[in-house]
Amino acid sequence: MSPARWTDSLENLFGPWAVPYLTRGLVVLNAGAWLLNLASPGFTSILKLNPELVSQGEYWRLITFLFVPSNSAHPIFLLLFLWFLWSIGDALEEVWGSFHLNLFFLLGIISVVAVAFLQPSIPVNPFYLHNSLFLAFATTLPDQKVFFFPLPIPLSVRWVAAVSSGLLFLPALFEPLLLPSMLAGLAGYIAFFLPPFLHSAWERFRRR
């Protein structure tokens, strides 16, 4: 069950179509794209989301942009990122179920694609979409311990998420045009966690 009650009614209709272990598939495809790009530099250029090329018939880019890792990523950091993505995806799927995790990610994908067509001059970065999973993990399981590089001590994931969220929006202070794409990547998080937060705040206000 997800934190957003409105998603539960959708599960009865679309639950059977859910893809299990979604984030595991993303990890495998990201690793595969990185290896292919290593063997054939420039390979990932055919995967990136380019609205102009999509309009010319390259529709696969609407999905394959999710499989494009950072070309500058060191193999060790890429491995850590993919392992972390695998871990938090499995943890969320265990708590929410496959359908809700699918829906969470689908909302982000649709929002990112929509903003890409509205702002074609802004490069699409799936980082914010992947980061929304981490924020969801930190909100759902806030007392889990993680290591925050370079500190060699375990920290509660809630504090790591708080710091990373602050850093996440720093680029928007210098380039405000990046803000829509950032928020689009967090669309799933906003849709899942904002309604219960507002409901809880309203209930507290009423009791007062």
C-alpha atoms as a PDB file:
ATOM      1  CA  MET A   1       0.000   0.000   0.000  1.00  0.00           C
ATOM      2  CA  SER A   2       1.328   3.408  -0.960  1.00  0.00           C
ATOM      3  CA  PRO A   3       1.212   6.507   1.278  1.00  0.00           C
ATOM      4  CA  ALA A   4      -1.281   8.109  -1.135  1.00  0.00           C
ATOM      5  CA  ARG A   5      -4.756   6.649  -0.704  1.00  0.00           C
ATOM      6  CA  TRP A   6      -5.865   7.735  -4.164  1.00  0.00           C
ATOM      7  CA  THR A   7      -3.547   5.185  -5.747  1.00  0.00           C
ATOM      8  CA  ASP A   8      -5.158   2.220  -3.997  1.00  0.00           C
ATOM      9  CA  SER A   9      -8.335   2.415  -6.102  1.00  0.00           C
ATOM     10  CA  LEU A  10      -6.239   2.314  -9.296  1.00  0.00           C
ATOM     11  CA  GLU A  11      -4.573  -0.918  -8.232  1.00  0.00           C
ATOM     12  CA  ASN A  12      -7.830  -2.839  -8.629  1.00  0.00           C
ATOM     13  CA  LEU A  13      -7.975  -1.770 -12.292  1.00  0.00           C
ATOM     14  CA  PHE A  14      -4.348  -1.795 -13.371  1.00  0.00           C
ATOM     15  CA  GLY A  15      -2.586  -3.912 -10.755  1.00  0.00           C
ATOM     16  CA  PRO A  16      -2.282  -6.997 -12.989  1.00  0.00           C
ATOM     17  CA  TRP A  17      -0.270  -4.937 -15.511  1.00  0.00           C
ATOM     18  CA  ALA A  18       2.401  -3.980 -12.985  1.00  0.00           C
ATOM     19  CA  VAL A  19       6.000  -4.876 -13.810  1.00  0.00           C
ATOM     20  CA  PRO A  20       7.696  -6.609 -10.858  1.00  0.00           C
ATOM     21  CA  TYR A  21      11.244  -5.659  -9.885  1.00  0.00           C
ATOM     22  CA  LEU A  22      11.135  -2.532 -12.021  1.00  0.00           C
ATOM     23  CA  THR A  23      14.256  -0.954 -10.550  1.00  0.00           C
ATOM     24  CA  ARG A  24      16.247  -4.137 -11.110  1.00  0.00           C
ATOM     25  CA  GLY A  25      15.479  -3.815 -14.793  1.00  0.00           C
ATOM     26  CA  LEU A  26      16.591  -0.178 -14.730  1.00  0.00           C
ATOM     27  CA  VAL A  27      19.852  -1.154 -13.083  1.00  0.00           C
ATOM     28  CA  VAL A  28      20.575  -3.847 -15.676  1.00  0.00           C
ATOM     29  CA  LEU A  29      19.739  -1.551 -18.601  1.00  0.00           C
ATOM     30  CA  ASN A  30      21.812   1.322 -17.172  1.00  0.00           C
ATOM     31  CA  ALA A  31      24.773  -1.011 -16.753  1.00  0.00           C
ATOM     32  CA  GLY A  32      24.285  -2.373 -20.257  1.00  0.00           C
ATOM     33  CA  ALA A  33      24.115   1.124 -21.782  1.00  0.00           C
ATOM     34  CA  TRP A  34      27.266   2.138 -19.912  1.00  0.00           C
ATOM     35  CA  LEU A  35      29.166  -0.917 -21.179  1.00  0.00           C
ATOM     36  CA  LEU A  36      27.986  -0.383 -24.763  1.00  0.00           C
ATOM     37  CA  ASN A  37      29.013   3.259 -24.581  1.00  0.00           C
ATOM     38  CA  LEU A  38      32.408   2.166 -23.272  1.00  0.00           C
ATOM     39  CA  ALA A  39      32.833  -0.207 -26.223  1.00  0.00           C
ATOM     40  CA  SER A  40      31.398   2.257 -28.732  1.00  0.00           C
ATOM     41  CA  PRO A  41      31.782   5.868 -27.497  1.00  0.00           C
ATOM     42  CA  GLY A  42      28.741   7.949 -28.323  1.00  0.00           C
ATOM     43  CA  PHE A  43      26.339   5.007 -28.268  1.00  0.00           C
ATOM     44  CA  THR A  44      24.135   6.617 -25.600  1.00  0.00           C
ATOM     45  CA  SER A  45      23.421   9.554 -27.908  1.00  0.00           C
ATOM     46  CA  ILE A  46      20.762   7.424 -29.632  1.00  0.00           C
ATOM     47  CA  LEU A  47      19.069   6.841 -26.268  1.00  0.00           C
ATOM     48  CA  LYS A  48      18.786  10.395 -24.965  1.00  0.00           C
ATOM     49  CA  LEU A  49      15.475  12.221 -24.951  1.00  0.00           C
ATOM     50  CA  ASN A  50      15.506  14.697 -27.820  1.00  0.00           C
ATOM     51  CA  PRO A  51      12.039  16.178 -28.538  1.00  0.00           C
ATOM     52  CA  GLU A  52      12.960  17.128 -32.101  1.00  0.00           C
ATOM     53  CA  LEU A  53      14.107  13.604 -32.961  1.00  0.00           C
ATOM     54  CA  VAL A  54      11.105  12.077 -31.210  1.00  0.00           C
ATOM     55  CA  SER A  55       8.823  14.166 -33.411  1.00  0.00           C
ATOM     56  CA  GLN A  56      10.693  12.706 -36.408  1.00  0.00           C
ATOM     57  CA  GLY A  57       9.761   9.154 -35.371  1.00  0.00           C
ATOM     58  CA  GLU A  58      12.450   8.109 -32.885  1.00  0.00           C
ATOM     59  CA  TYR A  59       9.841   7.227 -30.274  1.00  0.00           C
ATOM     60  CA  TRP A  60      12.101   4.868 -28.322  1.00  0.00           C
ATOM     61  CA  ARG A  61      13.795   7.929 -26.821  1.00  0.00           C
ATOM     62  CA  LEU A  62      10.670   8.493 -24.670  1.00  0.00           C
ATOM     63  CA  ILE A  63      11.819   5.521 -22.581  1.00  0.00           C
ATOM     64  CA  THR A  64      15.485   4.870 -23.320  1.00  0.00           C
ATOM     65  CA  PHE A  65      16.629   8.146 -21.750  1.00  0.00           C
ATOM     66  CA  LEU A  66      16.124   6.338 -18.437  1.00  0.00           C
ATOM     67  CA  PHE A  67      18.978   4.001 -19.307  1.00  0.00           C
ATOM     68  CA  VAL A  68      21.596   6.693 -19.894  1.00  0.00           C
ATOM     69  CA  PRO A  69      24.101   6.824 -17.010  1.00  0.00           C
ATOM     70  CA  SER A  70      26.517   9.691 -16.608  1.00  0.00           C
ATOM     71  CA  ASN A  71      29.279   9.283 -19.184  1.00  0.00           C
ATOM     72  CA  SER A  72      31.740  10.806 -16.729  1.00  0.00           C
ATOM     73  CA  ALA A  73      30.837   8.401 -13.938  1.00  0.00           C
ATOM     74  CA  HIS A  74      33.760   6.424 -12.550  1.00  0.00           C
ATOM     75  CA  PRO A  75      32.997   2.686 -12.622  1.00  0.00           C
ATOM     76  CA  ILE A  76      33.150   2.482  -8.823  1.00  0.00           C
ATOM     77  CA  PHE A  77      30.679   5.342  -8.320  1.00  0.00           C
ATOM     78  CA  LEU A  78      28.426   3.964 -11.049  1.00  0.00           C
ATOM     79  CA  LEU A  79      28.468   0.563  -9.356  1.00  0.00           C
ATOM     80  CA  LEU A  80      27.571   2.134  -6.010  1.00  0.00           C
ATOM     81  CA  PHE A  81      24.768   4.137  -7.610  1.00  0.00           C
ATOM     82  CA  LEU A  82      23.293   1.080  -9.336  1.00  0.00           C
ATOM     83  CA  TRP A  83      23.582  -1.045  -6.199  1.00  0.00           C
ATOM     84  CA  PHE A  84      21.842   1.679  -4.188  1.00  0.00           C
ATOM     85  CA  LEU A  85      19.100   2.034  -6.822  1.00  0.00           C
ATOM     86  CA  TRP A  86      18.549  -1.739  -6.731  1.00  0.00           C
ATOM     87  CA  SER A  87      18.385  -1.748  -2.909  1.00  0.00           C
ATOM     88  CA  ILE A  88      15.974   1.140  -2.425  1.00  0.00           C
ATOM     89  CA  GLY A  89      13.780  -0.055  -5.293  1.00  0.00           C
ATOM     90  CA  ASP A  90      13.427  -3.495  -3.712  1.00  0.00           C
ATOM     91  CA  ALA A  91      12.725  -1.933  -0.305  1.00  0.00           C
ATOM     92  CA  LEU A  92       9.981   0.327  -1.686  1.00  0.00           C
ATOM     93  CA  GLU A  93       8.444  -2.497  -3.688  1.00  0.00           C
ATOM     94  CA  GLU A  94       8.308  -4.662  -0.577  1.00  0.00           C
ATOM     95  CA  VAL A  95       6.431  -1.938   1.337  1.00  0.00           C
ATOM     96  CA  TRP A  96       4.242  -0.551  -1.473  1.00  0.00           C
ATOM     97  CA  GLY A  97       3.880  -3.420  -3.912  1.00  0.00           C
ATOM     98  CA  SER A  98       4.843  -3.527  -7.587  1.00  0.00           C
ATOM     99  CA  PHE A  99       1.891  -1.506  -8.866  1.00  0.00           C
ATOM    100  CA  HIS A 100       2.489   1.513  -6.651  1.00  0.00           C
ATOM    101  CA  LEU A 101       6.209   1.594  -7.464  1.00  0.00           C
ATOM    102  CA  ASN A 102       5.365   1.390 -11.172  1.00  0.00           C
ATOM    103  CA  LEU A 103       2.864   4.236 -10.840  1.00  0.00           C
ATOM    104  CA  PHE A 104       5.325   6.352  -8.854  1.00  0.00           C
ATOM    105  CA  PHE A 105       7.931   6.044 -11.593  1.00  0.00           C
ATOM    106  CA  LEU A 106       5.424   6.433 -14.429  1.00  0.00           C
ATOM    107  CA  LEU A 107       4.253   9.800 -13.066  1.00  0.00           C
ATOM    108  CA  GLY A 108       7.847  10.999 -13.083  1.00  0.00           C
ATOM    109  CA  ILE A 109       8.482   9.761 -16.616  1.00  0.00           C
ATOM    110  CA  ILE A 110       5.369  11.452 -18.014  1.00  0.00           C
ATOM    111  CA  SER A 111       6.233  14.716 -16.257  1.00  0.00           C
ATOM    112  CA  VAL A 112       9.861  14.693 -17.412  1.00  0.00           C
ATOM    113  CA  VAL A 113       8.843  14.009 -21.016  1.00  0.00           C
ATOM    114  CA  ALA A 114       6.202  16.753 -20.916  1.00  0.00           C
ATOM    115  CA  VAL A 115       8.660  19.334 -19.591  1.00  0.00           C
ATOM    116  CA  ALA A 116      11.253  18.238 -22.167  1.00  0.00           C
ATOM    117  CA  PHE A 117       8.830  19.137 -24.951  1.00  0.00           C
ATOM    118  CA  LEU A 118       7.934  22.427 -23.257  1.00  0.00           C
ATOM    119  CA  GLN A 119      11.616  23.294 -22.725  1.00  0.00           C
ATOM    120  CA  PRO A 120      13.452  21.579 -25.600  1.00  0.00           C
ATOM    121  CA  SER A 121      16.584  23.666 -25.019  1.00  0.00           C
ATOM    122  CA  ILE A 122      17.108  22.173 -21.531  1.00  0.00           C
ATOM    123  CA  PRO A 123      18.951  18.800 -21.592  1.00  0.00           C
ATOM    124  CA  VAL A 124      17.014  15.984 -19.933  1.00  0.00           C
ATOM    125  CA  ASN A 125      18.736  14.438 -16.929  1.00  0.00           C
ATOM    126  CA  PRO A 126      17.165  11.298 -15.404  1.00  0.00           C
ATOM    127  CA  PHE A 127      19.081  11.987 -12.197  1.00  0.00           C
ATOM    128  CA  TYR A 128      16.160  13.813 -10.591  1.00  0.00           C
ATOM    129  CA  LEU A 129      13.807  10.966 -11.448  1.00  0.00           C
ATOM    130  CA  HIS A 130      16.151   8.448  -9.844  1.00  0.00           C
ATOM    131  CA  ASN A 131      16.631  10.748  -6.866  1.00  0.00           C
ATOM    132  CA  SER A 132      12.858  10.806  -6.279  1.00  0.00           C
ATOM    133  CA  LEU A 133      13.131   7.102  -5.410  1.00  0.00           C
ATOM    134  CA  PHE A 134      15.727   7.919  -2.767  1.00  0.00           C
ATOM    135  CA  LEU A 135      13.507  10.625  -1.277  1.00  0.00           C
ATOM    136  CA  ALA A 136      10.573   8.196  -1.241  1.00  0.00           C
ATOM    137  CA  PHE A 137      12.756   5.606   0.470  1.00  0.00           C
ATOM    138  CA  ALA A 138      13.896   8.142   3.076  1.00  0.00           C
ATOM    139  CA  THR A 139      10.309   9.239   3.750  1.00  0.00           C
ATOM    140  CA  THR A 140       8.956   5.695   3.948  1.00  0.00           C
ATOM    141  CA  LEU A 141      11.822   4.179   5.973  1.00  0.00           C
ATOM    142  CA  PRO A 142      13.429   7.197   7.660  1.00  0.00           C
ATOM    143  CA  ASP A 143      15.348   5.243  10.313  1.00  0.00           C
ATOM    144  CA  GLN A 144      17.304   3.082   7.874  1.00  0.00           C
ATOM    145  CA  LYS A 145      21.066   3.560   8.111  1.00  0.00           C
ATOM    146  CA  VAL A 146      23.217   4.426   5.095  1.00  0.00           C
ATOM    147  CA  PHE A 147      26.776   5.582   4.525  1.00  0.00           C
ATOM    148  CA  PHE A 148      27.076   9.140   3.236  1.00  0.00           C
ATOM    149  CA  PHE A 149      30.376   9.409   1.336  1.00  0.00           C
ATOM    150  CA  PRO A 150      32.984  10.391   2.486  1.00  0.00           C
ATOM    151  CA  LEU A 151      31.848   9.909   6.107  1.00  0.00           C
ATOM    152  CA  PRO A 152      32.744   6.368   7.290  1.00  0.00           C
ATOM    153  CA  ILE A 153      29.843   6.184   9.753  1.00  0.00           C
ATOM    154  CA  PRO A 154      26.225   5.083   9.221  1.00  0.00           C
ATOM    155  CA  LEU A 155      23.663   7.888   9.252  1.00  0.00           C
ATOM    156  CA  SER A 156      19.877   7.867   9.354  1.00  0.00           C
ATOM    157  CA  VAL A 157      18.634   8.087   5.805  1.00  0.00           C
ATOM    158  CA  ARG A 158      16.329  10.983   6.732  1.00  0.00           C
ATOM    159  CA  TRP A 159      19.344  13.236   7.374  1.00  0.00           C
ATOM    160  CA  VAL A 160      21.136  12.113   4.239  1.00  0.00           C
ATOM    161  CA  ALA A 161      17.983  12.867   2.245  1.00  0.00           C
ATOM    162  CA  ALA A 162      17.664  16.291   3.850  1.00  0.00           C
ATOM    163  CA  VAL A 163      21.217  17.228   2.851  1.00  0.00           C
ATOM    164  CA  SER A 164      20.958  15.769  -0.646  1.00  0.00           C
ATOM    165  CA  SER A 165      17.620  17.519  -1.232  1.00  0.00           C
ATOM    166  CA  GLY A 166      19.166  20.846  -0.335  1.00  0.00           C
ATOM    167  CA  LEU A 167      22.039  20.239  -2.744  1.00  0.00           C
ATOM    168  CA  LEU A 168      19.596  19.000  -5.368  1.00  0.00           C
ATOM    169  CA  PHE A 169      18.050  22.410  -5.910  1.00  0.00           C
ATOM    170  CA  LEU A 170      21.261  24.450  -5.772  1.00  0.00           C
ATOM    171  CA  PRO A 171      21.669  24.577  -9.579  1.00  0.00           C
ATOM    172  CA  ALA A 172      18.202  26.160  -9.863  1.00  0.00           C
ATOM    173  CA  LEU A 173      19.443  29.168  -7.873  1.00  0.00           C
ATOM    174  CA  PHE A 174      21.853  29.968 -10.705  1.00  0.00           C
ATOM    175  CA  GLU A 175      19.692  28.674 -13.578  1.00  0.00           C
ATOM    176  CA  PRO A 176      15.983  29.055 -12.683  1.00  0.00           C
ATOM    177  CA  LEU A 177      15.006  27.461 -16.008  1.00  0.00           C
ATOM    178  CA  LEU A 178      16.170  24.120 -14.581  1.00  0.00           C
ATOM    179  CA  LEU A 179      13.491  24.167 -11.883  1.00  0.00           C
ATOM    180  CA  PRO A 180      10.622  22.758 -14.018  1.00  0.00           C
ATOM    181  CA  SER A 181      12.691  19.734 -15.056  1.00  0.00           C
ATOM    182  CA  MET A 182      13.742  19.166 -11.438  1.00  0.00           C
ATOM    183  CA  LEU A 183      10.155  19.260 -10.205  1.00  0.00           C
ATOM    184  CA  ALA A 184       9.103  17.003 -13.079  1.00  0.00           C
ATOM    185  CA  GLY A 185      11.587  14.385 -11.902  1.00  0.00           C
ATOM    186  CA  LEU A 186      10.023  14.605  -8.438  1.00  0.00           C
ATOM    187  CA  ALA A 187       6.444  14.369  -9.731  1.00  0.00           C
ATOM    188  CA  GLY A 188       5.925  10.879  -8.321  1.00  0.00           C
ATOM    189  CA  TYR A 189       7.166  11.940  -4.907  1.00  0.00           C
ATOM    190  CA  ILE A 190       4.948  15.019  -4.908  1.00  0.00           C
ATOM    191  CA  ALA A 191       1.876  13.026  -5.991  1.00  0.00           C
ATOM    192  CA  PHE A 192       2.428  10.319  -3.393  1.00  0.00           C
ATOM    193  CA  PHE A 193       3.493  12.319  -0.358  1.00  0.00           C
ATOM    194  CA  LEU A 194       2.008  15.809  -0.711  1.00  0.00           C
ATOM    195  CA  PRO A 195      -1.690  14.760  -0.374  1.00  0.00           C
ATOM    196  CA  PRO A 196      -1.199  12.852   2.928  1.00  0.00           C
ATOM    197  CA  PHE A 197       0.991  15.678   4.248  1.00  0.00           C
ATOM    198  CA  LEU A 198      -1.674  18.279   3.460  1.00  0.00           C
ATOM    199  CA  HIS A 199      -4.376  16.039   4.957  1.00  0.00           C
ATOM    200  CA  SER A 200      -2.363  15.569   8.152  1.00  0.00           C
ATOM    201  CA  ALA A 201      -1.677  19.317   8.389  1.00  0.00           C
ATOM    202  CA  TRP A 202      -5.374  20.062   7.902  1.00  0.00           C
ATOM    203  CA  GLU A 203      -6.359  17.583  10.651  1.00  0.00           C
ATOM    204  CA  ARG A 204      -3.887  19.160  13.068  1.00  0.00           C
ATOM    205  CA  PHE A 205      -5.248  22.595  12.222  1.00  0.00           C
ATOM    206  CA  ARG A 206      -8.823  21.438  12.828  1.00  0.00           C
ATOM    207  CA  ARG A 207      -7.949  19.943  16.230  1.00  0.00           C
ATOM    208  CA  ARG A 208      -6.444  23.245  17.281  1.00  0.00           C
END
